[in-house]
């Protein structure tokens, strides 16, 4: 073996030994397998001085601060993910260095039911003159969902926005007037018009408005890429930029937008990807 190869080998061996020794003081907790659409937590603990970690999941990146020796983040497997093994790549900030780690998660396939609804034709194919307004609403929503603030406001347990049962589950394959539409990216919760809607967790109101399809809507940023959506409201009781606490009334159930009756559509986005909120509430 040449001197150059010997030196490279020794450097690599030392790096592996150093990383292994550092990670010996770290506990990384993440499920080995999840279903398509499922949210899941990643928790990292360390006995060493630990300021946070940098994560990459799918094509998203986020920095997670450590609080009292623990870093916690909610991740998820979106509807369009390809089932199979996917990697979480991370770097821990320990003292003045970063220690890399990789965890694999097996995303398992999941089947979803279908639903066929009859709605007004204009709610399936809007007048072309309305499209610039609708596209601007979509741009605002995308910007809200893609927001990743570094401070974590959320905490467990989470609050169910309304007590009603589920009328339409997450992932439902929908047909409006027999025309296929995007899968249901939230859950519909039953409730009478005027029923109070509660904030899922603490956070900042980052978008409100009355949108063509969604009706009166509220979006809350809970930190670290976790954003919740409350739509079809009859009344909005919060304002842009307002900080809310878990369980605070943020609006009332209604039937605004593209709906067949009063209910709450509740959506949960993780790093800009819709996931099923039910496992976190039941």
Protein backbone atom coordinates (compact mmCIF):
# COMPACT_ATOMS: atom_id res chain seq x y z
CA UNK A 1 0.00 0.00 0.00
CA UNK A 2 1.41 3.44 -0.97
CA UNK A 3 2.00 6.15 1.63
CA UNK A 4 -0.82 8.26 0.12
CA UNK A 5 -3.32 5.38 0.32
CA UNK A 6 -2.17 4.56 3.84
CA UNK A 7 -2.70 8.16 4.93
CA UNK A 8 -6.18 8.30 3.34
CA UNK A 9 -7.10 5.04 5.05
CA UNK A 10 -5.92 6.33 8.44
CA UNK A 11 -7.84 9.60 8.01
CA UNK A 12 -11.02 7.74 7.01
CA UNK A 13 -10.66 5.28 9.89
CA UNK A 14 -10.09 8.11 12.33
CA UNK A 15 -13.16 9.96 11.02
CA UNK A 16 -15.34 6.88 11.34
CA UNK A 17 -14.03 6.20 14.83
CA UNK A 18 -14.59 9.82 15.83
CA UNK A 19 -18.17 9.85 14.44
CA UNK A 20 -18.98 6.54 16.08
CA UNK A 21 -17.58 7.72 19.39
CA UNK A 22 -19.59 10.95 19.18
CA UNK A 23 -22.78 9.15 18.19
CA UNK A 24 -22.33 6.74 21.10
CA UNK A 25 -23.59 9.65 23.23
CA UNK A 26 -26.59 10.28 20.95
CA UNK A 27 -30.01 8.60 20.87
CA UNK A 28 -31.93 8.88 17.59
CA UNK A 29 -35.57 7.77 17.74
CA UNK A 30 -37.53 7.40 14.47
CA UNK A 31 -39.94 4.68 13.30
CA UNK A 32 -38.50 2.00 11.03
CA UNK A 33 -41.65 1.99 8.86
CA UNK A 34 -44.62 4.31 8.17
CA UNK A 35 -47.56 4.26 5.75
CA UNK A 36 -48.03 6.64 2.84
CA UNK A 37 -49.64 9.80 4.21
CA UNK A 38 -48.55 9.21 7.80
CA UNK A 39 -46.92 11.82 10.05
CA UNK A 40 -44.07 10.67 12.29
CA UNK A 41 -41.68 12.16 14.84
CA UNK A 42 -37.90 12.17 14.84
CA UNK A 43 -36.35 12.76 18.25
CA UNK A 44 -32.65 13.20 18.97
CA UNK A 45 -31.14 13.26 22.45
CA UNK A 46 -27.52 13.73 23.47
CA UNK A 47 -25.60 13.69 26.72
CA UNK A 48 -23.11 16.12 25.19
CA UNK A 49 -23.52 19.84 24.64
CA UNK A 50 -26.04 19.89 21.80
CA UNK A 51 -27.31 23.03 20.03
CA UNK A 52 -29.40 21.42 17.29
CA UNK A 53 -29.31 19.45 14.08
CA UNK A 54 -29.67 19.91 10.33
CA UNK A 55 -32.01 17.46 8.58
CA UNK A 56 -32.80 16.54 5.00
CA UNK A 57 -35.96 14.51 4.36
CA UNK A 58 -36.97 13.89 0.74
CA UNK A 59 -36.03 17.22 -0.91
CA UNK A 60 -36.68 19.38 2.16
CA UNK A 61 -34.12 20.76 4.59
CA UNK A 62 -34.62 22.17 8.07
CA UNK A 63 -32.60 23.09 11.13
CA UNK A 64 -34.05 21.83 14.41
CA UNK A 65 -32.92 23.59 17.61
CA UNK A 66 -32.17 21.53 20.71
CA UNK A 67 -34.12 22.28 23.87
CA UNK A 68 -32.75 20.83 27.12
CA UNK A 69 -30.69 18.23 25.28
CA UNK A 70 -33.45 17.16 22.89
CA UNK A 71 -34.36 18.03 19.30
CA UNK A 72 -37.86 17.06 18.13
CA UNK A 73 -39.48 17.47 14.72
CA UNK A 74 -42.60 16.21 12.98
CA UNK A 75 -42.01 14.71 9.53
CA UNK A 76 -44.34 12.90 7.13
CA UNK A 77 -44.71 10.66 4.09
CA UNK A 78 -46.82 12.62 1.55
CA UNK A 79 -49.39 11.13 -0.79
CA UNK A 80 -47.11 11.33 -3.83
CA UNK A 81 -44.15 9.56 -2.21
CA UNK A 82 -42.96 6.35 -3.88
CA UNK A 83 -43.24 3.45 -1.40
CA UNK A 84 -39.93 1.95 -0.37
CA UNK A 85 -36.85 2.91 1.62
CA UNK A 86 -36.17 6.63 2.10
CA UNK A 87 -33.29 8.27 3.94
CA UNK A 88 -33.23 10.90 6.64
CA UNK A 89 -29.81 12.55 6.52
CA UNK A 90 -28.76 14.60 9.50
CA UNK A 91 -25.89 16.50 11.06
CA UNK A 92 -25.72 17.12 14.80
CA UNK A 93 -24.26 20.35 16.12
CA UNK A 94 -22.13 19.09 19.03
CA UNK A 95 -19.78 21.70 20.49
CA UNK A 96 -17.88 23.19 17.53
CA UNK A 97 -18.36 20.35 15.08
CA UNK A 98 -21.03 18.48 13.13
CA UNK A 99 -21.57 14.74 13.35
CA UNK A 100 -23.39 13.11 10.43
CA UNK A 101 -25.94 10.30 10.64
CA UNK A 102 -28.34 8.51 8.29
CA UNK A 103 -31.61 6.79 9.19
CA UNK A 104 -33.78 4.82 6.76
CA UNK A 105 -37.57 4.75 6.88
CA UNK A 106 -39.60 2.14 5.00
CA UNK A 107 -42.64 3.85 3.49
CA UNK A 108 -45.38 1.27 2.97
CA UNK A 109 -48.15 1.55 0.33
CA UNK A 110 -51.67 2.41 1.43
CA UNK A 111 -55.01 2.23 -0.38
CA UNK A 112 -57.60 5.02 -0.20
CA UNK A 113 -61.38 5.00 -0.80
CA UNK A 114 -63.25 6.99 -3.48
CA UNK A 115 -66.00 9.60 -3.18
CA UNK A 116 -68.27 11.05 -5.88
CA UNK A 117 -69.97 14.42 -5.32
CA UNK A 118 -72.37 16.61 -7.29
CA UNK A 119 -71.52 20.32 -7.07
CA UNK A 120 -72.35 23.44 -9.05
CA UNK A 121 -70.61 23.41 -12.44
CA UNK A 122 -68.88 26.72 -11.70
CA UNK A 123 -67.12 25.10 -8.73
CA UNK A 124 -65.61 22.44 -11.01
CA UNK A 125 -64.76 24.69 -13.96
CA UNK A 126 -64.61 28.35 -12.89
CA UNK A 127 -65.20 31.19 -15.33
CA UNK A 128 -61.88 31.95 -17.09
CA UNK A 129 -62.08 35.55 -15.88
CA UNK A 130 -61.68 34.30 -12.30
CA UNK A 131 -58.50 32.31 -12.94
CA UNK A 132 -56.00 35.13 -12.20
CA UNK A 133 -57.65 35.63 -8.81
CA UNK A 134 -57.70 31.88 -8.11
CA UNK A 135 -54.03 31.54 -9.11
CA UNK A 136 -53.09 34.38 -6.74
CA UNK A 137 -54.91 32.58 -3.92
CA UNK A 138 -52.97 29.42 -4.74
CA UNK A 139 -49.69 31.34 -4.71
CA UNK A 140 -50.47 32.73 -1.26
CA UNK A 141 -51.35 29.27 0.07
CA UNK A 142 -48.19 27.71 -1.38
CA UNK A 143 -46.08 30.42 0.25
CA UNK A 144 -47.77 29.79 3.60
CA UNK A 145 -47.28 26.02 3.40
CA UNK A 146 -43.63 26.29 2.39
CA UNK A 147 -42.76 28.55 5.31
CA UNK A 148 -40.22 26.97 7.69
CA UNK A 149 -39.68 29.07 10.80
CA UNK A 150 -36.86 27.99 13.10
CA UNK A 151 -38.73 28.34 16.39
CA UNK A 152 -40.98 25.46 17.48
CA UNK A 153 -44.27 26.76 18.88
CA UNK A 154 -46.12 23.44 18.81
CA UNK A 155 -46.16 20.89 21.59
CA UNK A 156 -47.96 17.69 22.49
CA UNK A 157 -50.73 16.86 23.12
CA UNK A 158 -52.38 18.44 20.09
CA UNK A 159 -55.94 19.83 20.10
CA UNK A 160 -58.68 18.40 17.91
CA UNK A 161 -60.12 21.47 16.14
CA UNK A 162 -63.72 20.24 16.51
CA UNK A 163 -65.17 17.25 18.32
CA UNK A 164 -67.16 15.94 15.34
CA UNK A 165 -66.37 12.63 13.65
CA UNK A 166 -64.71 12.28 10.25
CA UNK A 167 -66.97 12.56 7.20
CA UNK A 168 -64.20 12.43 4.57
CA UNK A 169 -60.80 10.93 5.42
CA UNK A 170 -57.36 11.96 4.26
CA UNK A 171 -56.33 10.63 0.83
CA UNK A 172 -59.88 10.12 -0.41
CA UNK A 173 -59.95 9.91 -4.23
CA UNK A 174 -62.54 12.48 -5.23
CA UNK A 175 -64.71 12.94 -8.30
CA UNK A 176 -66.74 16.14 -8.74
CA UNK A 177 -69.56 15.60 -11.23
CA UNK A 178 -67.71 12.42 -12.31
CA UNK A 179 -64.53 14.38 -13.07
CA UNK A 180 -61.42 13.24 -11.13
CA UNK A 181 -59.81 15.78 -8.82
CA UNK A 182 -56.75 15.80 -6.56
CA UNK A 183 -56.92 13.41 -3.58
CA UNK A 184 -58.34 14.84 -0.37
CA UNK A 185 -55.37 16.47 1.37
CA UNK A 186 -56.98 16.88 4.79
CA UNK A 187 -59.84 15.50 6.84
CA UNK A 188 -63.45 16.73 6.94
CA UNK A 189 -64.84 16.91 10.48
CA UNK A 190 -68.57 17.04 11.12
CA UNK A 191 -70.11 19.96 12.98
CA UNK A 192 -73.07 22.30 12.93
CA UNK A 193 -72.69 25.72 11.39
CA UNK A 194 -71.35 28.17 13.96
CA UNK A 195 -69.50 25.54 16.02
CA UNK A 196 -66.23 26.93 17.38
CA UNK A 197 -63.02 25.82 15.64
CA UNK A 198 -59.95 25.49 17.87
CA UNK A 199 -56.25 25.91 17.08
CA UNK A 200 -54.42 22.59 16.75
CA UNK A 201 -51.46 23.96 18.70
CA UNK A 202 -49.74 27.24 19.49
CA UNK A 203 -48.53 29.28 16.54
CA UNK A 204 -48.74 32.38 14.38
CA UNK A 205 -51.58 33.17 11.98
CA UNK A 206 -49.86 33.59 8.60
CA UNK A 207 -52.80 33.72 6.18
CA UNK A 208 -56.52 34.46 6.32
CA UNK A 209 -59.02 35.21 3.61
CA UNK A 210 -62.06 34.11 1.64
CA UNK A 211 -60.91 31.92 -1.24
CA UNK A 212 -62.86 30.72 -4.25
CA UNK A 213 -62.70 26.98 -3.54
CA UNK A 214 -61.82 26.99 0.18
CA UNK A 215 -64.12 29.76 1.36
CA UNK A 216 -63.16 31.56 4.56
CA UNK A 217 -59.75 30.19 5.56
CA UNK A 218 -57.12 30.36 8.29
CA UNK A 219 -53.51 29.09 8.16
CA UNK A 220 -51.33 28.82 11.29
CA UNK A 221 -47.56 28.37 11.37
CA UNK A 222 -46.58 26.21 14.38
CA UNK A 223 -42.86 26.26 13.61
CA UNK A 224 -40.29 23.93 12.01
CA UNK A 225 -42.40 23.55 8.86
CA UNK A 226 -45.65 22.54 10.60
CA UNK A 227 -48.62 24.52 9.21
CA UNK A 228 -52.32 23.84 9.75
CA UNK A 229 -55.24 24.78 7.50
CA UNK A 230 -58.87 25.47 8.52
CA UNK A 231 -61.27 26.12 5.62
CA UNK A 232 -64.96 26.53 4.70
CA UNK A 233 -65.43 28.67 7.83
CA UNK A 234 -68.47 30.86 8.38
CA UNK A 235 -66.49 33.26 10.55
CA UNK A 236 -62.81 34.09 11.14
CA UNK A 237 -61.88 35.18 14.67
CA UNK A 238 -58.14 35.83 14.26
CA UNK A 239 -56.00 38.23 12.24
CA UNK A 240 -52.78 37.99 10.24
CA UNK A 241 -49.69 37.98 12.48
CA UNK A 242 -51.62 37.09 15.64
CA UNK A 243 -50.08 34.54 18.02
CA UNK A 244 -52.57 31.92 19.20
CA UNK A 245 -52.44 29.26 21.89
CA UNK A 246 -53.45 25.61 21.59
CA UNK A 247 -57.23 25.27 21.83
CA UNK A 248 -57.93 28.95 21.16
CA UNK A 249 -61.03 29.71 19.06
CA UNK A 250 -59.86 30.79 15.61
CA UNK A 251 -63.16 30.62 13.70
CA UNK A 252 -66.56 28.95 13.28
CA UNK A 253 -67.68 26.03 11.13
CA UNK A 254 -69.39 27.06 7.92
CA UNK A 255 -70.21 26.09 4.34
CA UNK A 256 -68.26 28.66 2.33
CA UNK A 257 -66.39 27.79 -0.85
CA UNK A 258 -66.84 24.47 -2.71
CA UNK A 259 -68.88 22.40 -0.25
CA UNK A 260 -72.15 20.48 -0.05
CA UNK A 261 -72.83 21.38 3.59
CA UNK A 262 -71.28 22.80 6.76
CA UNK A 263 -68.15 21.08 8.10
CA UNK A 264 -64.52 21.82 8.86
CA UNK A 265 -61.83 20.80 6.42
CA UNK A 266 -58.68 20.51 8.51
CA UNK A 267 -55.30 20.11 6.83
CA UNK A 268 -51.83 19.51 8.24
CA UNK A 269 -48.74 20.33 6.19
CA UNK A 270 -45.21 19.24 7.14
CA UNK A 271 -42.38 20.97 5.27
CA UNK A 272 -44.88 21.84 2.55
CA UNK A 273 -46.25 18.28 2.23
CA UNK A 274 -49.79 17.29 3.23
CA UNK A 275 -50.06 14.41 5.73
CA UNK A 276 -52.89 12.77 7.65
CA UNK A 277 -53.60 14.67 10.90
CA UNK A 278 -55.82 11.97 12.45
CA UNK A 279 -53.00 9.90 14.02
CA UNK A 280 -51.99 12.99 16.00
CA UNK A 281 -55.49 13.68 17.34
CA UNK A 282 -57.03 10.28 18.17
